[in-house]
Amino acid sequence: MSELLKARRGGSLRGLARIGGDKSCSHRALILAAMAEGETFVNGLSDCEDVQRTVAALFAFGCTIEPQGDGWRVRSGPWASPDTQIDCGNSGTTARLLMGAVAGMEGVSATFAGDASLAKRPMRRVSEPLRRMGAEIDEGDTLPLSITGRRLGGIDHQNVPASAQVKSALLLAGLSTDAPVRIVEPIQSRDHSEIMLAEFGATVVREDGSVELGECRELRGTTIEIGADPSSAAYPILGAAIVPGSDVTVLGMNVNPLRTGFVEQLERMSAGLQLSNESVKSGEIVADVRVRHSPMQSCHVTSELVPAMIDEIPALAVACAFADGESVIEGLGELRVKESDRLGALVAGLTACGVAAVVRDDSLHIFGRGSVRGGATVSTHGDHRIAMAFLTLGLASEEPVTIDRAEMIATSFPGFVEVMRGLGADIA
């Protein structure tokens, strides 16, 4: 993929979109399979670069992952200390979840590193509660960090701000101890780890506002089916919503209620959405999602709704740019410490495309007028979601939109350009 990509308005977007497996579920399936007794077969594994970082890390710890038919076979074994640093690339999930997994493995040591972007992201939110459980981890808030597995105690942790990665790291660490492990969540974060732990045979006690590991903490190999990634699907869904005459169906998408905040918000904004063929795969709900263009209304998103769409905020911001009136999205402080300062990148990109947008405290205000001028080269700051959001904007704006870098899109959605072109998008 070339560094510069340009998107311009053409015809409508129409057809079926086949999206790769959910990235969050893919990381968790691999790590839990590598910790389980016996073999696990994973179908629908994401092929993005972030998940490949987890695959490479598990190889380094001595696990076996190999193709098996249309899926992958994972065989666990005694984990060993890697000979070199674990390079997590841009994947915060790889780093944070594996820190939790290693924390309770006595005698196993590892150093986790990342690229320039990941090296700026906060890690103390994971390392501090792991230390309270007894883990031996370097001081500091950024990678590289070294950790040595030890016998751990329990923890009762307040997961504020809501972070599925922190919760998951503590649950993984808790598998190695009999002590109570409880995470309290005033605002619930994604629950893929809880669902998948149960699929591997662990006892997970879920009550209003908390999750706790139960008596059974031994994992058994199983078969995992992974649905299409809703964060990647957000872009063909967005394109169908903002490009006149469009009609797109995303096949077999994970519609976990804690991941559907974006499509639910589009529906509240009057976009035409319809779910069909719902089923349950490995504890997760999947469905076909059909989206048809419709003029959209402005919205007000409160902070309580944000965790269910945190990765889709750039796509939602673009949708708001095409709505009529002022839209407000609250509680976005977490976006300042993603792959880039996404709040700043969104405001700069929208402004360059002729859309008035400002940040007030942790709220994003977008003043839509039903149409967008475009005609800008947008700085992505190396952020894959900023890149995909503004390329999608360019498909409906009056003038083409160019992004300054495109290669990092592969970190989460390597087939983005091909999928969008297959629906009729003009991206080159």
Protein backbone atom coordinates (compact mmCIF):
# COMPACT_ATOMS: atom_id res chain seq x y z
CA MET A 1 0.00 0.00 0.00
CA SER A 2 1.43 3.39 -1.00
CA GLU A 3 1.99 6.01 1.66
CA LEU A 4 -0.44 8.49 0.08
CA LEU A 5 -4.02 7.50 -0.61
CA LYS A 6 -6.80 9.64 -2.05
CA ALA A 7 -10.55 9.05 -1.78
CA ARG A 8 -13.05 10.83 -4.00
CA ARG A 9 -16.78 10.86 -4.47
CA GLY A 10 -18.05 8.43 -7.09
CA GLY A 11 -21.16 6.31 -7.25
CA SER A 12 -22.99 4.69 -4.37
CA LEU A 13 -21.49 1.87 -2.27
CA ARG A 14 -23.32 -1.41 -2.76
CA GLY A 15 -22.80 -5.10 -2.05
CA LEU A 16 -21.62 -7.56 0.59
CA ALA A 17 -18.66 -6.75 2.84
CA ARG A 18 -16.62 -9.64 4.20
CA ILE A 19 -14.52 -8.41 7.11
CA GLY A 20 -11.75 -10.27 8.92
CA GLY A 21 -12.19 -11.72 12.40
CA ASP A 22 -12.62 -9.54 15.46
CA LYS A 23 -9.22 -8.32 16.59
CA SER A 24 -10.04 -8.24 20.31
CA CYS A 25 -11.37 -11.80 20.27
CA SER A 26 -8.40 -12.99 18.19
CA HIS A 27 -5.84 -11.77 20.74
CA ARG A 28 -7.75 -13.40 23.58
CA ALA A 29 -8.35 -16.68 21.77
CA LEU A 30 -4.63 -17.06 21.06
CA ILE A 31 -3.46 -16.16 24.57
CA LEU A 32 -6.01 -18.33 26.38
CA ALA A 33 -5.32 -21.22 23.99
CA ALA A 34 -1.61 -20.90 24.76
CA MET A 35 -2.41 -21.09 28.50
CA ALA A 36 -4.85 -24.02 28.21
CA GLU A 37 -4.32 -27.76 28.51
CA GLY A 38 -4.39 -29.52 25.14
CA GLU A 39 -5.15 -28.15 21.69
CA THR A 40 -7.40 -25.32 20.58
CA PHE A 41 -8.74 -24.73 17.07
CA VAL A 42 -9.47 -21.11 16.14
CA ASN A 43 -11.55 -20.22 13.09
CA GLY A 44 -11.94 -16.66 11.82
CA LEU A 45 -8.68 -15.37 13.32
CA SER A 46 -7.86 -11.80 12.31
CA ASP A 47 -4.92 -11.47 9.91
CA CYS A 48 -4.04 -7.92 11.00
CA GLU A 49 -0.53 -6.93 12.07
CA ASP A 50 -1.53 -6.43 15.71
CA VAL A 51 -2.69 -10.04 16.02
CA GLN A 52 0.47 -11.22 14.23
CA ARG A 53 2.42 -9.52 17.04
CA THR A 54 0.60 -11.72 19.54
CA VAL A 55 1.31 -14.81 17.41
CA ALA A 56 5.03 -13.95 17.28
CA ALA A 57 5.11 -13.30 21.03
CA LEU A 58 3.52 -16.66 21.83
CA PHE A 59 6.05 -18.38 19.55
CA ALA A 60 8.79 -16.67 21.56
CA PHE A 61 7.30 -18.06 24.78
CA GLY A 62 7.42 -21.57 23.29
CA CYS A 63 3.85 -22.09 22.14
CA THR A 64 2.91 -23.75 18.84
CA ILE A 65 0.54 -22.06 16.37
CA GLU A 66 0.04 -23.57 12.92
CA PRO A 67 -2.53 -23.62 10.09
CA GLN A 68 -5.25 -26.25 10.35
CA GLY A 69 -7.75 -26.33 7.46
CA ASP A 70 -9.43 -22.94 7.29
CA GLY A 71 -8.27 -22.03 10.80
CA TRP A 72 -5.39 -22.37 13.22
CA ARG A 73 -4.32 -24.94 15.77
CA VAL A 74 -2.74 -23.73 19.02
CA ARG A 75 -0.91 -26.12 21.32
CA SER A 76 0.10 -24.99 24.76
CA GLY A 77 3.21 -26.04 26.59
CA PRO A 78 5.38 -24.86 29.45
CA TRP A 79 6.09 -21.20 28.83
CA ALA A 80 9.79 -20.27 28.70
CA SER A 81 11.56 -16.93 28.98
CA PRO A 82 12.18 -15.49 25.49
CA ASP A 83 15.76 -14.94 24.35
CA THR A 84 14.96 -11.40 23.10
CA GLN A 85 12.53 -8.58 23.80
CA ILE A 86 8.87 -9.13 22.86
CA ASP A 87 8.23 -6.57 20.13
CA CYS A 88 4.55 -5.64 20.41
CA GLY A 89 4.72 -3.21 17.50
CA ASN A 90 1.67 -0.95 17.72
CA SER A 91 -0.44 -3.44 19.70
CA GLY A 92 -1.31 -2.29 23.19
CA THR A 93 -3.49 -5.39 23.58
CA THR A 94 -0.49 -7.67 22.98
CA ALA A 95 1.57 -5.85 25.59
CA ARG A 96 -1.03 -5.44 28.31
CA LEU A 97 -2.65 -8.87 28.11
CA LEU A 98 0.66 -10.72 27.92
CA MET A 99 1.95 -8.75 30.92
CA GLY A 100 -1.00 -10.17 32.83
CA ALA A 101 -0.42 -13.70 31.54
CA VAL A 102 3.29 -13.69 32.43
CA ALA A 103 2.80 -12.08 35.86
CA GLY A 104 1.71 -15.34 37.47
CA MET A 105 4.09 -17.71 35.65
CA GLU A 106 6.80 -18.36 38.19
CA GLY A 107 10.28 -18.29 36.70
CA VAL A 108 9.25 -16.79 33.36
CA SER A 109 10.74 -13.38 32.52
CA ALA A 110 10.15 -11.12 29.55
CA THR A 111 10.75 -7.58 28.38
CA PHE A 112 7.96 -5.95 26.39
CA ALA A 113 8.76 -3.21 23.86
CA GLY A 114 6.83 -1.44 21.10
CA ASP A 115 7.03 1.02 18.25
CA ALA A 116 7.34 4.78 18.72
CA SER A 117 3.57 5.19 19.11
CA LEU A 118 3.06 2.35 21.60
CA ALA A 119 6.10 3.48 23.59
CA LYS A 120 4.18 6.67 24.46
CA ARG A 121 1.05 4.94 25.71
CA PRO A 122 0.46 4.52 29.47
CA MET A 123 1.28 1.14 31.01
CA ARG A 124 1.10 1.97 34.72
CA ARG A 125 -2.66 1.38 34.64
CA VAL A 126 -1.75 -2.31 34.10
CA SER A 127 1.57 -2.63 35.94
CA GLU A 128 0.40 -0.96 39.16
CA PRO A 129 -2.48 -3.37 39.92
CA LEU A 130 -0.32 -6.31 38.83
CA ARG A 131 2.30 -5.18 41.37
CA ARG A 132 -0.42 -5.10 44.02
CA MET A 133 -1.03 -8.76 43.22
CA GLY A 134 2.69 -9.40 43.80
CA ALA A 135 4.09 -9.21 40.27
CA GLU A 136 7.69 -8.13 39.73
CA ILE A 137 7.62 -5.36 37.09
CA ASP A 138 9.90 -2.43 36.28
CA GLU A 139 8.86 0.98 37.53
CA GLY A 140 7.78 3.43 34.86
CA ASP A 141 4.71 4.21 32.78
CA THR A 142 5.91 3.33 29.28
CA LEU A 143 7.52 0.51 27.35
CA PRO A 144 9.99 -1.11 27.42
CA LEU A 145 9.08 -2.85 30.69
CA SER A 146 10.45 -6.09 32.13
CA ILE A 147 8.37 -8.54 34.16
CA THR A 148 9.20 -11.72 36.06
CA GLY A 149 6.46 -14.17 36.94
CA ARG A 150 5.88 -14.84 40.63
CA ARG A 151 3.33 -16.50 42.90
CA LEU A 152 0.53 -13.96 43.06
CA GLY A 153 -2.11 -12.95 45.54
CA GLY A 154 -5.58 -11.63 44.84
CA ILE A 155 -6.94 -8.18 44.10
CA ASP A 156 -10.11 -6.11 44.33
CA HIS A 157 -9.64 -3.49 41.62
CA GLN A 158 -11.70 -0.47 40.58
CA ASN A 159 -11.45 -0.37 36.78
CA VAL A 160 -11.54 3.40 36.31
CA PRO A 161 -11.32 4.58 33.60
CA ALA A 162 -13.11 1.60 32.04
CA SER A 163 -10.44 -0.48 30.30
CA ALA A 164 -11.01 -3.96 28.88
CA GLN A 165 -7.25 -4.41 28.55
CA VAL A 166 -6.60 -3.73 32.26
CA LYS A 167 -9.49 -5.99 33.30
CA SER A 168 -8.27 -8.75 30.99
CA ALA A 169 -4.68 -8.52 32.24
CA LEU A 170 -5.84 -8.94 35.85
CA LEU A 171 -8.10 -11.87 34.99
CA LEU A 172 -5.25 -13.59 33.14
CA ALA A 173 -2.90 -13.02 36.07
CA GLY A 174 -5.59 -14.34 38.42
CA LEU A 175 -5.67 -17.72 36.70
CA SER A 176 -2.44 -18.61 38.53
CA THR A 177 -3.73 -17.99 42.06
CA ASP A 178 -6.52 -19.31 44.29
CA ALA A 179 -6.90 -15.90 45.95
CA PRO A 180 -9.98 -13.76 45.25
CA VAL A 181 -9.73 -11.73 42.03
CA ARG A 182 -12.49 -9.17 41.54
CA ILE A 183 -12.75 -6.20 39.19
CA VAL A 184 -15.37 -3.54 39.82
CA GLU A 185 -16.58 -1.50 36.84
CA PRO A 186 -18.75 1.59 37.39
CA ILE A 187 -18.91 1.74 33.58
CA GLN A 188 -18.68 -1.68 31.97
CA SER A 189 -15.87 -2.28 29.48
CA ARG A 190 -15.84 -4.93 26.74
CA ASP A 191 -16.49 -8.40 28.10
CA HIS A 192 -14.77 -10.59 25.48
CA SER A 193 -12.35 -11.96 28.09
CA GLU A 194 -15.13 -13.03 30.44
CA ILE A 195 -16.99 -14.76 27.60
CA MET A 196 -13.90 -16.52 26.29
CA LEU A 197 -12.65 -17.58 29.71
CA ALA A 198 -15.96 -19.40 30.17
CA GLU A 199 -15.54 -21.04 26.73
CA PHE A 200 -12.20 -22.43 27.95
CA GLY A 201 -13.82 -23.80 31.11
CA ALA A 202 -12.98 -21.17 33.72
CA THR A 203 -15.61 -20.07 36.23
CA VAL A 204 -16.43 -16.38 35.83
CA VAL A 205 -18.91 -14.77 38.23
CA ARG A 206 -20.57 -11.70 36.73
CA GLU A 207 -22.76 -9.43 38.81
CA ASP A 208 -23.99 -5.89 38.27
CA GLY A 209 -20.87 -3.75 38.14
CA SER A 210 -18.27 -6.45 38.80
CA VAL A 211 -16.59 -9.58 37.47
CA GLU A 212 -14.83 -12.20 39.62
CA LEU A 213 -12.87 -15.36 38.94
CA GLY A 214 -14.53 -18.39 40.50
CA GLU A 215 -13.19 -21.68 41.82
CA CYS A 216 -12.25 -23.30 38.50
CA ARG A 217 -9.32 -21.50 36.91
CA GLU A 218 -7.90 -24.31 34.78
CA LEU A 219 -8.31 -23.80 31.04
CA ARG A 220 -9.07 -26.63 28.60
CA GLY A 221 -8.46 -26.60 24.86
CA THR A 222 -11.58 -26.03 22.77
CA THR A 223 -12.82 -24.74 19.39
CA ILE A 224 -13.32 -21.00 18.99
CA GLU A 225 -15.31 -19.31 16.19
CA ILE A 226 -14.66 -15.59 15.72
CA GLY A 227 -17.11 -13.19 14.05
CA ALA A 228 -16.25 -10.23 11.83
CA ASP A 229 -14.58 -7.27 13.52
CA PRO A 230 -17.06 -4.42 14.27
CA SER A 231 -14.31 -1.81 14.51
CA SER A 232 -13.18 -2.63 10.96
CA ALA A 233 -16.76 -2.97 9.74
CA ALA A 234 -17.38 0.59 10.98
CA TYR A 235 -15.87 2.01 7.77
CA PRO A 236 -18.03 0.26 5.15
CA ILE A 237 -20.98 0.91 7.49
CA LEU A 238 -20.03 4.59 7.70
CA GLY A 239 -19.54 4.80 3.94
CA ALA A 240 -22.99 3.34 3.30
CA ALA A 241 -24.53 5.77 5.78
CA ILE A 242 -23.02 8.94 4.25
CA VAL A 243 -22.79 8.17 0.50
CA PRO A 244 -26.15 8.76 -1.23
CA GLY A 245 -27.81 5.70 -2.76
CA SER A 246 -25.66 3.20 -0.82
CA ASP A 247 -26.81 -0.23 0.38
CA VAL A 248 -24.14 -2.41 2.08
CA THR A 249 -24.40 -5.59 4.15
CA VAL A 250 -21.57 -6.66 6.48
CA LEU A 251 -21.66 -10.44 6.88
CA GLY A 252 -21.34 -12.25 10.21
CA MET A 253 -20.33 -9.27 12.35
CA ASN A 254 -19.76 -9.58 16.09
CA VAL A 255 -22.71 -7.71 17.61
CA ASN A 256 -21.79 -8.10 21.27
CA PRO A 257 -23.90 -5.39 22.99
CA LEU A 258 -20.72 -3.81 24.35
CA ARG A 259 -19.38 -3.40 20.80
CA THR A 260 -22.44 -2.08 18.96
CA GLY A 261 -22.40 1.47 20.29
CA PHE A 262 -21.44 2.87 16.88
CA VAL A 263 -24.19 1.21 14.86
CA GLU A 264 -26.75 1.95 17.57
CA GLN A 265 -25.72 5.61 17.51
CA LEU A 266 -26.03 5.75 13.71
CA GLU A 267 -29.52 4.32 14.06
CA ARG A 268 -30.41 7.04 16.57
CA MET A 269 -29.11 9.54 14.00
CA SER A 270 -31.65 8.11 11.50
CA ALA A 271 -29.27 5.97 9.42
CA GLY A 272 -31.01 2.95 7.92
CA LEU A 273 -29.78 -0.19 9.72
CA GLN A 274 -31.12 -3.72 9.89
CA LEU A 275 -29.75 -6.88 11.58
CA SER A 276 -30.53 -10.39 10.34
CA ASN A 277 -29.33 -14.02 10.63
CA GLU A 278 -28.37 -13.69 14.30
CA SER A 279 -26.58 -16.64 15.90
CA VAL A 280 -24.19 -17.39 18.77
CA LYS A 281 -20.59 -18.44 18.08
CA SER A 282 -18.30 -19.27 21.02
CA GLY A 283 -20.46 -17.22 23.35
CA GLU A 284 -20.56 -14.12 21.11
CA ILE A 285 -23.58 -12.94 19.09
CA VAL A 286 -22.98 -12.48 15.35
CA ALA A 287 -25.32 -11.13 12.69
CA ASP A 288 -25.46 -9.66 9.19
CA VAL A 289 -25.70 -5.85 9.36
CA ARG A 290 -27.37 -4.02 6.46
CA VAL A 291 -26.90 -0.25 6.13
CA ARG A 292 -28.62 2.08 3.67
CA HIS A 293 -28.01 5.77 3.17
CA SER A 294 -30.34 8.20 4.88
CA PRO A 295 -29.92 11.88 5.86
CA MET A 296 -28.69 11.95 9.44
CA GLN A 297 -29.49 14.08 12.44
CA SER A 298 -27.00 15.48 14.95
CA CYS A 299 -26.46 13.65 18.23
CA HIS A 300 -25.42 14.01 21.87
CA VAL A 301 -23.37 11.07 23.14
CA THR A 302 -22.83 10.90 26.90
CA SER A 303 -19.69 9.48 28.49
CA GLU A 304 -21.52 6.33 29.65
CA LEU A 305 -22.04 5.31 26.02
CA VAL A 306 -18.45 5.83 24.87
CA PRO A 307 -16.85 2.51 26.02
CA ALA A 308 -19.13 0.60 23.61
CA MET A 309 -17.77 2.63 20.68
CA ILE A 310 -14.35 3.84 21.84
CA ASP A 311 -12.50 2.57 18.75
CA GLU A 312 -15.22 3.84 16.42
CA ILE A 313 -15.17 7.47 17.62
CA PRO A 314 -13.25 8.64 14.49
CA ALA A 315 -15.93 7.02 12.30
CA LEU A 316 -18.69 8.56 14.42
CA ALA A 317 -17.05 11.98 14.18
CA VAL A 318 -17.16 11.72 10.37
CA ALA A 319 -20.83 10.72 10.52
CA CYS A 320 -21.49 13.79 12.67
CA ALA A 321 -19.79 15.97 10.06
CA PHE A 322 -22.50 14.93 7.57
CA ALA A 323 -25.36 15.41 10.05
CA ASP A 324 -27.30 18.63 10.33
CA GLY A 325 -26.54 20.65 13.48
CA GLU A 326 -24.21 20.48 16.47
CA SER A 327 -23.18 17.02 17.69
CA VAL A 328 -21.49 16.50 21.06
CA ILE A 329 -19.50 13.42 22.11
CA GLU A 330 -18.53 13.48 25.78
CA GLY A 331 -15.98 11.56 27.86
CA LEU A 332 -13.20 11.30 25.28
CA GLY A 333 -10.16 11.80 27.50
CA GLU A 334 -9.02 8.25 26.65
CA LEU A 335 -8.56 9.33 23.01
CA ARG A 336 -5.61 11.49 24.00
CA VAL A 337 -3.55 8.34 24.75
CA LYS A 338 -4.49 6.09 21.84
CA GLU A 339 -2.21 5.48 18.85
CA SER A 340 -2.18 9.26 18.50
CA ASP A 341 -3.90 12.14 20.26
CA ARG A 342 -7.07 11.22 18.40
CA LEU A 343 -9.00 14.20 19.70
CA GLY A 344 -6.45 16.62 18.29
CA ALA A 345 -6.13 14.65 15.05
CA LEU A 346 -9.90 14.59 14.55
CA VAL A 347 -10.31 18.33 15.08
CA ALA A 348 -7.40 19.14 12.77
CA GLY A 349 -8.65 16.80 10.04
CA LEU A 350 -12.26 17.96 10.21
CA THR A 351 -11.21 21.60 10.20
CA ALA A 352 -9.01 21.03 7.15
CA CYS A 353 -12.02 19.51 5.38
CA GLY A 354 -14.20 22.54 6.13
CA VAL A 355 -16.06 21.19 9.17
CA ALA A 356 -16.14 23.32 12.33
CA ALA A 357 -15.04 21.23 15.33
CA VAL A 358 -13.69 22.07 18.78
CA VAL A 359 -12.69 20.24 21.97
CA ARG A 360 -14.06 21.51 25.28
CA ASP A 361 -12.53 19.64 28.20
CA ASP A 362 -12.98 15.99 27.14
CA SER A 363 -15.94 16.64 24.82
CA LEU A 364 -15.83 16.89 21.04
CA HIS A 365 -18.24 19.37 19.39
CA ILE A 366 -18.87 19.00 15.66
CA PHE A 367 -20.99 21.50 13.74
CA GLY A 368 -22.39 19.63 10.77
CA ARG A 369 -24.20 21.15 7.82
CA GLY A 370 -25.29 18.03 6.00
CA SER A 371 -22.41 18.20 3.52
CA VAL A 372 -18.61 18.40 3.71
CA ARG A 373 -16.23 20.31 1.42
CA GLY A 374 -13.20 18.01 1.74
CA GLY A 375 -10.33 18.98 -0.52
CA ALA A 376 -7.58 18.51 2.07
CA THR A 377 -4.55 16.40 2.82
CA VAL A 378 -5.12 15.06 6.33
CA SER A 379 -2.30 14.25 8.73
CA THR A 380 -2.97 10.84 10.25
CA HIS A 381 -0.19 11.02 12.89
CA GLY A 382 0.43 7.34 12.12
CA ASP A 383 -3.04 6.37 13.40
CA HIS A 384 -4.84 3.67 11.39
CA ARG A 385 -8.32 4.69 12.51
CA ILE A 386 -7.79 8.35 11.64
CA ALA A 387 -6.59 7.23 8.21
CA MET A 388 -9.62 5.05 7.51
CA ALA A 389 -12.10 7.60 8.87
CA PHE A 390 -10.90 10.42 6.59
CA LEU A 391 -10.61 8.21 3.52
CA THR A 392 -14.25 7.26 4.10
CA LEU A 393 -15.13 10.93 4.52
CA GLY A 394 -13.56 11.58 1.12
CA LEU A 395 -16.03 9.17 -0.53
CA ALA A 396 -18.90 11.56 0.27
CA SER A 397 -17.24 15.00 0.33
CA GLU A 398 -17.46 17.55 -2.47
CA GLU A 399 -13.71 17.41 -3.15
CA PRO A 400 -11.27 14.48 -2.75
CA VAL A 401 -9.50 13.83 0.55
CA THR A 402 -5.89 12.60 0.75
CA ILE A 403 -4.18 11.05 3.77
CA ASP A 404 -0.46 11.51 4.34
CA ARG A 405 0.25 7.88 5.33
CA ALA A 406 -1.54 4.60 4.71
CA GLU A 407 0.79 1.72 5.57
CA MET A 408 -0.32 1.56 9.23
CA ILE A 409 -3.90 0.68 8.22
CA ALA A 410 -2.68 -2.93 8.14
CA THR A 411 -2.26 -2.89 11.92
CA SER A 412 -6.01 -3.47 12.25
CA PHE A 413 -7.63 -3.82 8.78
CA PRO A 414 -5.20 -4.97 6.09
CA GLY A 415 -8.03 -5.49 3.58
CA PHE A 416 -9.57 -2.03 4.02
CA VAL A 417 -8.86 -0.67 0.55
CA GLU A 418 -9.84 -3.90 -1.21
CA VAL A 419 -13.11 -4.21 0.73
CA MET A 420 -14.06 -0.59 0.06
CA ARG A 421 -13.16 -0.81 -3.63
CA GLY A 422 -15.21 -3.99 -3.86
CA LEU A 423 -18.23 -1.96 -2.76
CA GLY A 424 -17.55 0.69 -5.41
CA ALA A 425 -15.34 3.16 -3.53
CA ASP A 426 -12.88 5.30 -5.50
CA ILE A 427 -9.69 5.04 -3.43
CA ALA A 428 -6.29 5.23 -5.12
